[in-house]
Amino acid sequence: MGIQREVTIGNCRLILGDMREVLPQLDVRAKMVMSALIWRMGKYEQHDAGIRDLTRAARRHVTHVQSAWLSDRQARAAERRQL
């Protein structure tokens, strides 16, 4: 399905679409913003299974991005120590 609709306001892009298809097309900063919003959206959800599923997916994504960021930081620190 991908991006169903996109609106640009200033330097912000609002995108309507399936997060699982749209997020891989965006840069990391955008991915983190959306994941953080979705994480919060479903934090206390008790009735809507769809929102709970999106929240779980967002949490997995945040964990993945955090791990990638930490690995990158550790690699950079190791490179600096070798210089």
C-alpha atoms as a PDB file:
ATOM      1  CA  MET A   1       0.000   0.000   0.000  1.00  0.00           C
ATOM      2  CA  GLY A   2       2.856   2.407   0.807  1.00  0.00           C
ATOM      3  CA  ILE A   3       2.192   6.124   0.988  1.00  0.00           C
ATOM      4  CA  GLN A   4      -1.503   6.841   0.420  1.00  0.00           C
ATOM      5  CA  ARG A   5      -1.296  10.603   0.840  1.00  0.00           C
ATOM      6  CA  GLU A   6       1.473  13.077   1.596  1.00  0.00           C
ATOM      7  CA  VAL A   7       1.259  16.738   2.623  1.00  0.00           C
ATOM      8  CA  THR A   8       4.230  19.075   3.158  1.00  0.00           C
ATOM      9  CA  ILE A   9       3.891  21.965   5.618  1.00  0.00           C
ATOM     10  CA  GLY A  10       7.074  24.021   5.816  1.00  0.00           C
ATOM     11  CA  ASN A  11       9.854  21.476   6.311  1.00  0.00           C
ATOM     12  CA  CYS A  12       7.542  18.810   7.764  1.00  0.00           C
ATOM     13  CA  ARG A  13       6.052  15.889   5.860  1.00  0.00           C
ATOM     14  CA  LEU A  14       2.766  14.370   6.979  1.00  0.00           C
ATOM     15  CA  ILE A  15       2.366  10.914   5.503  1.00  0.00           C
ATOM     16  CA  LEU A  16      -0.705   8.703   5.533  1.00  0.00           C
ATOM     17  CA  GLY A  17       0.065   5.048   4.988  1.00  0.00           C
ATOM     18  CA  ASP A  18       1.012   1.743   6.528  1.00  0.00           C
ATOM     19  CA  MET A  19       3.887   2.444   8.900  1.00  0.00           C
ATOM     20  CA  ARG A  20       5.524  -0.910   8.128  1.00  0.00           C
ATOM     21  CA  GLU A  21       5.819   0.031   4.453  1.00  0.00           C
ATOM     22  CA  VAL A  22       6.454   3.781   4.777  1.00  0.00           C
ATOM     23  CA  LEU A  23       9.090   3.860   7.550  1.00  0.00           C
ATOM     24  CA  PRO A  24      11.783   1.978   5.618  1.00  0.00           C
ATOM     25  CA  GLN A  25      11.607   4.716   2.954  1.00  0.00           C
ATOM     26  CA  LEU A  26      12.329   7.521   5.444  1.00  0.00           C
ATOM     27  CA  ASP A  27      15.539   8.628   7.139  1.00  0.00           C
ATOM     28  CA  VAL A  28      16.354   7.535  10.703  1.00  0.00           C
ATOM     29  CA  ARG A  29      15.248  10.770  12.364  1.00  0.00           C
ATOM     30  CA  ALA A  30      11.802  10.514  10.831  1.00  0.00           C
ATOM     31  CA  LYS A  31      11.605   6.874  11.823  1.00  0.00           C
ATOM     32  CA  MET A  32      12.337   7.692  15.419  1.00  0.00           C
ATOM     33  CA  VAL A  33       9.801  10.503  15.573  1.00  0.00           C
ATOM     34  CA  MET A  34       7.022   8.304  14.264  1.00  0.00           C
ATOM     35  CA  SER A  35       7.988   5.337  16.379  1.00  0.00           C
ATOM     36  CA  ALA A  36       8.077   7.506  19.479  1.00  0.00           C
ATOM     37  CA  LEU A  37       4.614   8.894  18.715  1.00  0.00           C
ATOM     38  CA  ILE A  38       3.135   5.470  18.079  1.00  0.00           C
ATOM     39  CA  TRP A  39       4.845   4.093  21.186  1.00  0.00           C
ATOM     40  CA  ARG A  40       3.069   6.712  23.293  1.00  0.00           C
ATOM     41  CA  MET A  41      -0.234   6.371  21.424  1.00  0.00           C
ATOM     42  CA  GLY A  42      -0.720   2.756  22.491  1.00  0.00           C
ATOM     43  CA  LYS A  43       0.884   2.865  25.898  1.00  0.00           C
ATOM     44  CA  TYR A  44      -2.409   2.520  27.774  1.00  0.00           C
ATOM     45  CA  GLU A  45      -4.574   1.005  25.027  1.00  0.00           C
ATOM     46  CA  GLN A  46      -6.676  -1.870  26.338  1.00  0.00           C
ATOM     47  CA  HIS A  47      -9.375  -2.442  23.715  1.00  0.00           C
ATOM     48  CA  ASP A  48      -8.009  -1.858  20.201  1.00  0.00           C
ATOM     49  CA  ALA A  49      -5.823  -4.780  19.127  1.00  0.00           C
ATOM     50  CA  GLY A  50      -4.629  -2.870  16.041  1.00  0.00           C
ATOM     51  CA  ILE A  51      -3.199  -0.039  18.118  1.00  0.00           C
ATOM     52  CA  ARG A  52      -1.546  -2.538  20.465  1.00  0.00           C
ATOM     53  CA  ASP A  53       0.046  -4.276  17.457  1.00  0.00           C
ATOM     54  CA  LEU A  54       1.338  -0.955  16.080  1.00  0.00           C
ATOM     55  CA  THR A  55       2.719  -0.074  19.499  1.00  0.00           C
ATOM     56  CA  ARG A  56       4.575  -3.390  19.720  1.00  0.00           C
ATOM     57  CA  ALA A  57       5.999  -2.853  16.221  1.00  0.00           C
ATOM     58  CA  ALA A  58       7.092   0.678  17.176  1.00  0.00           C
ATOM     59  CA  ARG A  59       8.798  -0.602  20.317  1.00  0.00           C
ATOM     60  CA  ARG A  60      10.685  -3.249  18.329  1.00  0.00           C
ATOM     61  CA  HIS A  61      11.722  -0.586  15.830  1.00  0.00           C
ATOM     62  CA  VAL A  62      12.945   1.785  18.546  1.00  0.00           C
ATOM     63  CA  THR A  63      14.964  -1.050  20.091  1.00  0.00           C
ATOM     64  CA  HIS A  64      16.508  -1.869  16.698  1.00  0.00           C
ATOM     65  CA  VAL A  65      17.432   1.769  15.984  1.00  0.00           C
ATOM     66  CA  GLN A  66      18.862   2.234  19.482  1.00  0.00           C
ATOM     67  CA  SER A  67      21.004  -0.880  19.060  1.00  0.00           C
ATOM     68  CA  ALA A  68      22.250   0.308  15.661  1.00  0.00           C
ATOM     69  CA  TRP A  69      23.030   3.757  17.096  1.00  0.00           C
ATOM     70  CA  LEU A  70      24.932   2.263  20.044  1.00  0.00           C
ATOM     71  CA  SER A  71      26.943  -0.040  17.762  1.00  0.00           C
ATOM     72  CA  ASP A  72      27.833   2.924  15.555  1.00  0.00           C
ATOM     73  CA  ARG A  73      28.907   5.021  18.567  1.00  0.00           C
ATOM     74  CA  GLN A  74      31.059   2.183  19.907  1.00  0.00           C
ATOM     75  CA  ALA A  75      32.702   1.672  16.505  1.00  0.00           C
ATOM     76  CA  ARG A  76      33.470   5.398  16.241  1.00  0.00           C
ATOM     77  CA  ALA A  77      34.938   5.450  19.752  1.00  0.00           C
ATOM     78  CA  ALA A  78      37.138   2.446  18.918  1.00  0.00           C
ATOM     79  CA  GLU A  79      38.376   4.192  15.759  1.00  0.00           C
ATOM     80  CA  ARG A  80      39.261   7.326  17.745  1.00  0.00           C
ATOM     81  CA  ARG A  81      41.174   5.280  20.315  1.00  0.00           C
ATOM     82  CA  GLN A  82      43.274   3.723  17.545  1.00  0.00           C
ATOM     83  CA  LEU A  83      44.309   7.131  16.188  1.00  0.00           C
END
